[in-house]
Amino acid sequence: MTTTTTIPTTGTTTTNTTNSTSSTASAAGVAGSQQLAGNFNTFLTLLTTQLQNQNPLDPLDTNQFTQQLVEFSSVEQQVNMNSNLQTLISLQQTSEATSAMQFLGSNVTISGKTATLAANSPASWSLNSPSPATGNITITSSTGQTAYTGTVSLNSGNQTYSWNGQGSNGVTWPAGQYTLAITASGTNGQPVTVATQIQGTVSGVDLSQNPPQLTVGGQDYPISAIQSINNTNLSSSLGTLNSSLSSLNSSLSTLNTLI
């Protein structure tokens, strides 16, 4: 079931959907533990019955009994490890969701190529070139139509490219989402790779995804796509999130060595 909460003061939205995969895995882990416990009790009952009714002249091999008990105990420990791992993942997802919520209303720079053209605001991209170059630009609409083609002179480093919505044929395109593609070549004709970024305000957080998705300019991006944050406290939160992810990876490695 999906619930959407709108925050009137900032115009931001947060979507939270129950993670059915996580719930199913957790339920399966509990059922597996219960079934194993039942089987273990049955096994002990059978073992005790065998010991009580064994032939004194041909006793059962106690070493075999011991080996079976050890193997069964090992399986039980693995099931418990899987249950603990599921709990750890659930706690980590909660931590990620809490950190993602702090991005609401923040101005961020994201690695992406799709920008928003508004009625009174041009679509804007940040281009990063490793060296001076000449770029061939193609801008397409959300339906895949080519809206504009042209060239641009690039300096070394970051620069901003804005498009006012006027197409190559002089027709003004409507407001919406537009994607920029650029191929560049240097002074000697060698190809130059130009990184494309966009800037915008985080208007929503989708907690149903793993990792959570941030909505910027009508597009959804994972937290890992964020290149920089203007708010100092949010930069600290991103560092905390990265630290939490590192701790989770460390815990997973430890559990793998135990299984």
C-alpha atoms as a PDB file:
ATOM      1  CA  MET A   1       0.000   0.000   0.000  1.00  0.00           C
ATOM      2  CA  THR A   2       1.368   3.409  -0.962  1.00  0.00           C
ATOM      3  CA  THR A   3       0.797   6.576   1.050  1.00  0.00           C
ATOM      4  CA  THR A   4       1.797  10.058  -0.064  1.00  0.00           C
ATOM      5  CA  THR A   5       2.257  12.940   2.387  1.00  0.00           C
ATOM      6  CA  THR A   6       2.410  16.534   1.087  1.00  0.00           C
ATOM      7  CA  ILE A   7       4.215  19.206   3.085  1.00  0.00           C
ATOM      8  CA  PRO A   8       2.302  22.442   2.284  1.00  0.00           C
ATOM      9  CA  THR A   9       4.953  24.862   3.560  1.00  0.00           C
ATOM     10  CA  THR A  10       7.644  23.702   1.148  1.00  0.00           C
ATOM     11  CA  GLY A  11       5.652  22.034  -1.606  1.00  0.00           C
ATOM     12  CA  THR A  12       7.634  18.840  -1.104  1.00  0.00           C
ATOM     13  CA  THR A  13       6.283  15.307  -1.116  1.00  0.00           C
ATOM     14  CA  THR A  14       7.359  12.086   0.473  1.00  0.00           C
ATOM     15  CA  THR A  15       6.247   8.663  -0.734  1.00  0.00           C
ATOM     16  CA  ASN A  16       6.496   5.630   1.519  1.00  0.00           C
ATOM     17  CA  THR A  17       5.609   2.131   0.278  1.00  0.00           C
ATOM     18  CA  THR A  18       5.902  -1.072   2.292  1.00  0.00           C
ATOM     19  CA  ASN A  19       8.840  -3.116   1.015  1.00  0.00           C
ATOM     20  CA  SER A  20       7.109  -6.405   0.187  1.00  0.00           C
ATOM     21  CA  THR A  21      10.376  -8.122  -0.671  1.00  0.00           C
ATOM     22  CA  SER A  22      11.886  -7.351   2.732  1.00  0.00           C
ATOM     23  CA  SER A  23       8.689  -8.418   4.547  1.00  0.00           C
ATOM     24  CA  THR A  24       8.503 -11.664   2.575  1.00  0.00           C
ATOM     25  CA  ALA A  25      12.123 -12.480   3.303  1.00  0.00           C
ATOM     26  CA  SER A  26      11.619 -11.742   7.008  1.00  0.00           C
ATOM     27  CA  ALA A  27       8.496 -13.929   7.172  1.00  0.00           C
ATOM     28  CA  ALA A  28      10.325 -16.717   5.380  1.00  0.00           C
ATOM     29  CA  GLY A  29      13.160 -16.476   7.881  1.00  0.00           C
ATOM     30  CA  VAL A  30      10.772 -16.752  10.841  1.00  0.00           C
ATOM     31  CA  ALA A  31       8.939 -19.693   9.267  1.00  0.00           C
ATOM     32  CA  GLY A  32      12.246 -21.391   8.540  1.00  0.00           C
ATOM     33  CA  SER A  33      13.374 -20.972  12.146  1.00  0.00           C
ATOM     34  CA  GLN A  34      10.088 -22.359  13.485  1.00  0.00           C
ATOM     35  CA  GLN A  35      10.197 -25.326  11.141  1.00  0.00           C
ATOM     36  CA  LEU A  36      13.806 -26.027  12.052  1.00  0.00           C
ATOM     37  CA  ALA A  37      12.997 -25.889  15.762  1.00  0.00           C
ATOM     38  CA  GLY A  38      10.162 -28.366  15.248  1.00  0.00           C
ATOM     39  CA  ASN A  39      12.354 -30.700  13.222  1.00  0.00           C
ATOM     40  CA  PHE A  40      15.080 -30.464  15.854  1.00  0.00           C
ATOM     41  CA  ASN A  41      12.675 -31.526  18.615  1.00  0.00           C
ATOM     42  CA  THR A  42      11.431 -34.388  16.437  1.00  0.00           C
ATOM     43  CA  PHE A  43      15.006 -35.431  15.784  1.00  0.00           C
ATOM     44  CA  LEU A  44      15.791 -35.489  19.521  1.00  0.00           C
ATOM     45  CA  THR A  45      12.662 -37.560  20.190  1.00  0.00           C
ATOM     46  CA  LEU A  46      13.647 -40.109  17.558  1.00  0.00           C
ATOM     47  CA  LEU A  47      17.212 -40.169  18.838  1.00  0.00           C
ATOM     48  CA  THR A  48      16.074 -40.771  22.425  1.00  0.00           C
ATOM     49  CA  THR A  49      13.709 -43.531  21.298  1.00  0.00           C
ATOM     50  CA  GLN A  50      16.503 -45.218  19.379  1.00  0.00           C
ATOM     51  CA  LEU A  51      18.783 -45.110  22.415  1.00  0.00           C
ATOM     52  CA  GLN A  52      16.081 -46.555  24.654  1.00  0.00           C
ATOM     53  CA  ASN A  53      15.320 -49.427  22.288  1.00  0.00           C
ATOM     54  CA  GLN A  54      18.758 -50.269  20.950  1.00  0.00           C
ATOM     55  CA  ASN A  55      20.059 -53.818  20.972  1.00  0.00           C
ATOM     56  CA  PRO A  56      22.542 -54.223  23.855  1.00  0.00           C
ATOM     57  CA  LEU A  57      24.507 -56.708  21.719  1.00  0.00           C
ATOM     58  CA  ASP A  58      24.628 -54.262  18.764  1.00  0.00           C
ATOM     59  CA  PRO A  59      24.600 -50.701  20.188  1.00  0.00           C
ATOM     60  CA  LEU A  60      24.095 -47.690  17.927  1.00  0.00           C
ATOM     61  CA  ASP A  61      27.132 -45.677  16.900  1.00  0.00           C
ATOM     62  CA  THR A  62      27.331 -42.707  19.281  1.00  0.00           C
ATOM     63  CA  ASN A  63      29.825 -40.944  17.016  1.00  0.00           C
ATOM     64  CA  GLN A  64      27.195 -40.836  14.283  1.00  0.00           C
ATOM     65  CA  PHE A  65      24.654 -39.381  16.726  1.00  0.00           C
ATOM     66  CA  THR A  66      27.112 -36.700  17.735  1.00  0.00           C
ATOM     67  CA  GLN A  67      27.886 -35.818  14.122  1.00  0.00           C
ATOM     68  CA  GLN A  68      24.185 -35.490  13.323  1.00  0.00           C
ATOM     69  CA  LEU A  69      23.640 -33.209  16.311  1.00  0.00           C
ATOM     70  CA  VAL A  70      26.565 -31.017  15.299  1.00  0.00           C
ATOM     71  CA  GLU A  71      25.312 -30.732  11.697  1.00  0.00           C
ATOM     72  CA  PHE A  72      21.798 -29.875  12.837  1.00  0.00           C
ATOM     73  CA  SER A  73      23.135 -27.253  15.240  1.00  0.00           C
ATOM     74  CA  SER A  74      25.183 -25.722  12.412  1.00  0.00           C
ATOM     75  CA  VAL A  75      22.069 -25.339  10.244  1.00  0.00           C
ATOM     76  CA  GLU A  76      20.240 -23.727  13.167  1.00  0.00           C
ATOM     77  CA  GLN A  77      23.048 -21.195  13.590  1.00  0.00           C
ATOM     78  CA  GLN A  78      22.913 -20.313   9.889  1.00  0.00           C
ATOM     79  CA  VAL A  79      19.176 -19.665  10.088  1.00  0.00           C
ATOM     80  CA  ASN A  80      19.758 -17.409  13.098  1.00  0.00           C
ATOM     81  CA  MET A  81      22.485 -15.552  11.165  1.00  0.00           C
ATOM     82  CA  ASN A  82      20.076 -14.969   8.271  1.00  0.00           C
ATOM     83  CA  SER A  83      17.495 -13.597  10.713  1.00  0.00           C
ATOM     84  CA  ASN A  84      20.062 -11.253  12.267  1.00  0.00           C
ATOM     85  CA  LEU A  85      21.191 -10.144   8.815  1.00  0.00           C
ATOM     86  CA  GLN A  86      17.608  -9.311   7.849  1.00  0.00           C
ATOM     87  CA  THR A  87      17.289  -7.215  11.008  1.00  0.00           C
ATOM     88  CA  LEU A  88      20.531  -5.410  10.189  1.00  0.00           C
ATOM     89  CA  ILE A  89      19.369  -4.634   6.645  1.00  0.00           C
ATOM     90  CA  SER A  90      16.031  -3.345   7.956  1.00  0.00           C
ATOM     91  CA  LEU A  91      17.804  -1.011  10.400  1.00  0.00           C
ATOM     92  CA  GLN A  92      20.101   0.212   7.620  1.00  0.00           C
ATOM     93  CA  GLN A  93      17.146   0.963   5.338  1.00  0.00           C
ATOM     94  CA  THR A  94      15.544   2.972   8.131  1.00  0.00           C
ATOM     95  CA  SER A  95      18.785   4.935   8.543  1.00  0.00           C
ATOM     96  CA  GLU A  96      18.929   5.646   4.798  1.00  0.00           C
ATOM     97  CA  ALA A  97      15.308   6.825   4.798  1.00  0.00           C
ATOM     98  CA  THR A  98      15.962   9.175   7.728  1.00  0.00           C
ATOM     99  CA  SER A  99      19.018  10.645   6.011  1.00  0.00           C
ATOM    100  CA  ALA A 100      17.169  11.041   2.699  1.00  0.00           C
ATOM    101  CA  MET A 101      14.382  13.039   4.364  1.00  0.00           C
ATOM    102  CA  GLN A 102      16.911  15.712   5.337  1.00  0.00           C
ATOM    103  CA  PHE A 103      17.520  16.519   1.660  1.00  0.00           C
ATOM    104  CA  LEU A 104      14.024  17.991   1.215  1.00  0.00           C
ATOM    105  CA  GLY A 105      14.201  21.634   0.157  1.00  0.00           C
ATOM    106  CA  SER A 106      17.958  21.571  -0.415  1.00  0.00           C
ATOM    107  CA  ASN A 107      19.670  22.901  -3.527  1.00  0.00           C
ATOM    108  CA  VAL A 108      21.833  20.156  -4.998  1.00  0.00           C
ATOM    109  CA  THR A 109      24.044  19.468  -8.000  1.00  0.00           C
ATOM    110  CA  ILE A 110      23.307  16.106  -9.604  1.00  0.00           C
ATOM    111  CA  SER A 111      25.012  14.073 -12.282  1.00  0.00           C
ATOM    112  CA  GLY A 112      22.361  14.091 -14.999  1.00  0.00           C
ATOM    113  CA  LYS A 113      21.369  15.351 -18.448  1.00  0.00           C
ATOM    114  CA  THR A 114      17.666  16.209 -18.075  1.00  0.00           C
ATOM    115  CA  ALA A 115      16.704  19.740 -17.051  1.00  0.00           C
ATOM    116  CA  THR A 116      13.384  21.567 -16.686  1.00  0.00           C
ATOM    117  CA  LEU A 117      12.286  24.328 -19.051  1.00  0.00           C
ATOM    118  CA  ALA A 118       9.736  26.579 -17.342  1.00  0.00           C
ATOM    119  CA  ALA A 119       7.657  29.477 -18.656  1.00  0.00           C
ATOM    120  CA  ASN A 120       9.922  32.107 -17.081  1.00  0.00           C
ATOM    121  CA  SER A 121      13.063  30.046 -16.558  1.00  0.00           C
ATOM    122  CA  PRO A 122      15.396  28.504 -19.152  1.00  0.00           C
ATOM    123  CA  ALA A 123      16.667  24.951 -18.956  1.00  0.00           C
ATOM    124  CA  SER A 124      20.179  25.006 -17.529  1.00  0.00           C
ATOM    125  CA  TRP A 125      23.031  22.510 -17.428  1.00  0.00           C
ATOM    126  CA  SER A 126      26.508  22.574 -15.912  1.00  0.00           C
ATOM    127  CA  LEU A 127      29.197  21.332 -18.290  1.00  0.00           C
ATOM    128  CA  ASN A 128      32.634  20.235 -17.136  1.00  0.00           C
ATOM    129  CA  SER A 129      35.352  19.901 -19.751  1.00  0.00           C
ATOM    130  CA  PRO A 130      38.897  18.726 -18.956  1.00  0.00           C
ATOM    131  CA  SER A 131      40.326  21.021 -21.642  1.00  0.00           C
ATOM    132  CA  PRO A 132      39.220  23.688 -24.146  1.00  0.00           C
ATOM    133  CA  ALA A 133      36.969  22.132 -26.775  1.00  0.00           C
ATOM    134  CA  THR A 134      34.135  22.656 -29.227  1.00  0.00           C
ATOM    135  CA  GLY A 135      30.929  20.811 -28.411  1.00  0.00           C
ATOM    136  CA  ASN A 136      28.043  19.749 -30.623  1.00  0.00           C
ATOM    137  CA  ILE A 137      24.828  19.952 -28.611  1.00  0.00           C
ATOM    138  CA  THR A 138      21.543  18.155 -29.208  1.00  0.00           C
ATOM    139  CA  ILE A 139      18.522  18.847 -27.011  1.00  0.00           C
ATOM    140  CA  THR A 140      15.563  16.473 -27.142  1.00  0.00           C
ATOM    141  CA  SER A 141      12.112  16.622 -25.574  1.00  0.00           C
ATOM    142  CA  SER A 142      10.626  14.063 -23.194  1.00  0.00           C
ATOM    143  CA  THR A 143       9.017  12.349 -26.203  1.00  0.00           C
ATOM    144  CA  GLY A 144      12.366  11.998 -28.010  1.00  0.00           C
ATOM    145  CA  GLN A 145      11.870  14.827 -30.525  1.00  0.00           C
ATOM    146  CA  THR A 146      14.928  16.902 -31.414  1.00  0.00           C
ATOM    147  CA  ALA A 147      14.232  20.447 -30.226  1.00  0.00           C
ATOM    148  CA  TYR A 148      17.578  22.109 -30.823  1.00  0.00           C
ATOM    149  CA  THR A 149      21.020  21.436 -32.272  1.00  0.00           C
ATOM    150  CA  GLY A 150      24.004  23.769 -32.119  1.00  0.00           C
ATOM    151  CA  THR A 151      27.641  24.224 -31.128  1.00  0.00           C
ATOM    152  CA  VAL A 152      29.257  25.705 -28.058  1.00  0.00           C
ATOM    153  CA  SER A 153      32.805  26.715 -27.169  1.00  0.00           C
ATOM    154  CA  LEU A 154      33.971  25.101 -23.952  1.00  0.00           C
ATOM    155  CA  ASN A 155      36.632  26.282 -21.577  1.00  0.00           C
ATOM    156  CA  SER A 156      38.547  24.034 -19.237  1.00  0.00           C
ATOM    157  CA  GLY A 157      36.543  23.411 -16.051  1.00  0.00           C
ATOM    158  CA  ASN A 158      32.908  24.107 -15.130  1.00  0.00           C
ATOM    159  CA  GLN A 159      30.597  26.337 -17.143  1.00  0.00           C
ATOM    160  CA  THR A 160      26.844  26.805 -17.460  1.00  0.00           C
ATOM    161  CA  TYR A 161      24.822  26.234 -20.616  1.00  0.00           C
ATOM    162  CA  SER A 162      21.269  27.610 -20.778  1.00  0.00           C
ATOM    163  CA  TRP A 163      18.567  27.080 -23.382  1.00  0.00           C
ATOM    164  CA  ASN A 164      15.584  29.434 -23.590  1.00  0.00           C
ATOM    165  CA  GLY A 165      13.323  26.972 -25.395  1.00  0.00           C
ATOM    166  CA  GLN A 166      13.770  28.313 -28.906  1.00  0.00           C
ATOM    167  CA  GLY A 167      14.203  25.470 -31.384  1.00  0.00           C
ATOM    168  CA  SER A 168      16.558  25.327 -34.350  1.00  0.00           C
ATOM    169  CA  ASN A 169      13.669  26.329 -36.633  1.00  0.00           C
ATOM    170  CA  GLY A 170      12.809  29.352 -34.476  1.00  0.00           C
ATOM    171  CA  VAL A 171       9.740  27.772 -32.899  1.00  0.00           C
ATOM    172  CA  THR A 172       9.477  28.064 -29.105  1.00  0.00           C
ATOM    173  CA  TRP A 173       9.040  24.738 -27.382  1.00  0.00           C
ATOM    174  CA  PRO A 174       6.625  24.293 -24.445  1.00  0.00           C
ATOM    175  CA  ALA A 175       7.703  23.934 -20.830  1.00  0.00           C
ATOM    176  CA  GLY A 176       8.779  20.464 -19.809  1.00  0.00           C
ATOM    177  CA  GLN A 177      11.724  18.126 -19.405  1.00  0.00           C
ATOM    178  CA  TYR A 178      14.560  18.327 -21.948  1.00  0.00           C
ATOM    179  CA  THR A 179      17.662  16.196 -22.262  1.00  0.00           C
ATOM    180  CA  LEU A 180      21.033  17.484 -23.456  1.00  0.00           C
ATOM    181  CA  ALA A 181      23.599  15.343 -25.278  1.00  0.00           C
ATOM    182  CA  ILE A 182      27.036  16.687 -26.146  1.00  0.00           C
ATOM    183  CA  THR A 183      29.974  15.403 -28.182  1.00  0.00           C
ATOM    184  CA  ALA A 184      33.134  17.500 -28.033  1.00  0.00           C
ATOM    185  CA  SER A 185      36.525  17.613 -29.703  1.00  0.00           C
ATOM    186  CA  GLY A 186      39.701  19.412 -28.695  1.00  0.00           C
ATOM    187  CA  THR A 187      41.881  21.834 -30.643  1.00  0.00           C
ATOM    188  CA  ASN A 188      43.677  18.945 -32.355  1.00  0.00           C
ATOM    189  CA  GLY A 189      40.468  17.090 -33.161  1.00  0.00           C
ATOM    190  CA  GLN A 190      40.813  14.574 -30.374  1.00  0.00           C
ATOM    191  CA  PRO A 191      37.567  13.590 -28.609  1.00  0.00           C
ATOM    192  CA  VAL A 192      36.908  15.240 -25.246  1.00  0.00           C
ATOM    193  CA  THR A 193      34.599  13.752 -22.629  1.00  0.00           C
ATOM    194  CA  VAL A 194      32.337  16.410 -21.121  1.00  0.00           C
ATOM    195  CA  ALA A 195      30.489  15.696 -17.864  1.00  0.00           C
ATOM    196  CA  THR A 196      26.927  17.002 -17.644  1.00  0.00           C
ATOM    197  CA  GLN A 197      25.289  18.055 -14.386  1.00  0.00           C
ATOM    198  CA  ILE A 198      22.085  19.794 -13.360  1.00  0.00           C
ATOM    199  CA  GLN A 199      21.169  21.908 -10.360  1.00  0.00           C
ATOM    200  CA  GLY A 200      17.837  22.044  -8.602  1.00  0.00           C
ATOM    201  CA  THR A 201      15.859  21.788  -5.391  1.00  0.00           C
ATOM    202  CA  VAL A 202      14.908  18.437  -3.881  1.00  0.00           C
ATOM    203  CA  SER A 203      11.110  18.517  -3.942  1.00  0.00           C
ATOM    204  CA  GLY A 204      10.364  14.936  -2.906  1.00  0.00           C
ATOM    205  CA  VAL A 205      11.789  11.715  -1.504  1.00  0.00           C
ATOM    206  CA  ASP A 206      10.584   8.253  -2.536  1.00  0.00           C
ATOM    207  CA  LEU A 207      11.245   5.910   0.388  1.00  0.00           C
ATOM    208  CA  SER A 208       9.785   2.882  -1.421  1.00  0.00           C
ATOM    209  CA  GLN A 209      13.000   2.537  -3.427  1.00  0.00           C
ATOM    210  CA  ASN A 210      16.276   1.121  -2.166  1.00  0.00           C
ATOM    211  CA  PRO A 211      18.235   3.313  -1.989  1.00  0.00           C
ATOM    212  CA  PRO A 212      15.684   6.155  -1.618  1.00  0.00           C
ATOM    213  CA  GLN A 213      15.105   8.307  -4.709  1.00  0.00           C
ATOM    214  CA  LEU A 214      15.236  12.104  -4.682  1.00  0.00           C
ATOM    215  CA  THR A 215      12.976  14.167  -6.944  1.00  0.00           C
ATOM    216  CA  VAL A 216      14.746  17.123  -8.572  1.00  0.00           C
ATOM    217  CA  GLY A 217      13.124  19.051 -11.404  1.00  0.00           C
ATOM    218  CA  GLY A 218      10.476  16.382 -11.881  1.00  0.00           C
ATOM    219  CA  GLN A 219      13.073  13.609 -12.267  1.00  0.00           C
ATOM    220  CA  ASP A 220      14.009  10.888  -9.773  1.00  0.00           C
ATOM    221  CA  TYR A 221      17.649  10.296  -8.869  1.00  0.00           C
ATOM    222  CA  PRO A 222      19.379   7.986  -6.379  1.00  0.00           C
ATOM    223  CA  ILE A 223      21.229   9.639  -3.512  1.00  0.00           C
ATOM    224  CA  SER A 224      24.512   8.481  -5.069  1.00  0.00           C
ATOM    225  CA  ALA A 225      23.900  10.833  -8.034  1.00  0.00           C
ATOM    226  CA  ILE A 226      24.343  13.918  -5.831  1.00  0.00           C
ATOM    227  CA  GLN A 227      27.623  15.677  -6.576  1.00  0.00           C
ATOM    228  CA  SER A 228      27.382  18.572  -4.123  1.00  0.00           C
ATOM    229  CA  ILE A 229      24.993  20.120  -1.599  1.00  0.00           C
ATOM    230  CA  ASN A 230      24.692  23.800  -0.757  1.00  0.00           C
ATOM    231  CA  ASN A 231      23.522  23.155   2.812  1.00  0.00           C
ATOM    232  CA  THR A 232      26.375  22.353   5.191  1.00  0.00           C
ATOM    233  CA  ASN A 233      24.228  20.254   7.508  1.00  0.00           C
ATOM    234  CA  LEU A 234      23.043  18.127   4.594  1.00  0.00           C
ATOM    235  CA  SER A 235      26.628  17.558   3.505  1.00  0.00           C
ATOM    236  CA  SER A 236      27.247  16.199   6.983  1.00  0.00           C
ATOM    237  CA  SER A 237      24.192  13.946   6.654  1.00  0.00           C
ATOM    238  CA  LEU A 238      25.496  12.567   3.365  1.00  0.00           C
ATOM    239  CA  GLY A 239      28.788  11.775   5.069  1.00  0.00           C
ATOM    240  CA  THR A 240      26.914   9.989   7.840  1.00  0.00           C
ATOM    241  CA  LEU A 241      24.960   7.965   5.286  1.00  0.00           C
ATOM    242  CA  ASN A 242      28.138   6.923   3.480  1.00  0.00           C
ATOM    243  CA  SER A 243      29.641   5.906   6.825  1.00  0.00           C
ATOM    244  CA  SER A 244      26.553   3.806   7.602  1.00  0.00           C
ATOM    245  CA  LEU A 245      26.811   2.068   4.245  1.00  0.00           C
ATOM    246  CA  SER A 246      30.457   1.256   4.914  1.00  0.00           C
ATOM    247  CA  SER A 247      29.513  -0.216   8.291  1.00  0.00           C
ATOM    248  CA  LEU A 248      26.836  -2.350   6.636  1.00  0.00           C
ATOM    249  CA  ASN A 249      29.318  -3.690   4.081  1.00  0.00           C
ATOM    250  CA  SER A 250      31.718  -4.522   6.894  1.00  0.00           C
ATOM    251  CA  SER A 251      28.974  -6.359   8.790  1.00  0.00           C
ATOM    252  CA  LEU A 252      28.015  -8.318   5.672  1.00  0.00           C
ATOM    253  CA  SER A 253      31.634  -9.384   5.181  1.00  0.00           C
ATOM    254  CA  THR A 254      31.813 -10.562   8.790  1.00  0.00           C
ATOM    255  CA  LEU A 255      28.612 -12.578   8.480  1.00  0.00           C
ATOM    256  CA  ASN A 256      29.832 -14.181   5.240  1.00  0.00           C
ATOM    257  CA  THR A 257      32.945 -15.434   7.000  1.00  0.00           C
ATOM    258  CA  LEU A 258      30.794 -17.015   9.725  1.00  0.00           C
ATOM    259  CA  ILE A 259      28.396 -18.789   7.391  1.00  0.00           C
END
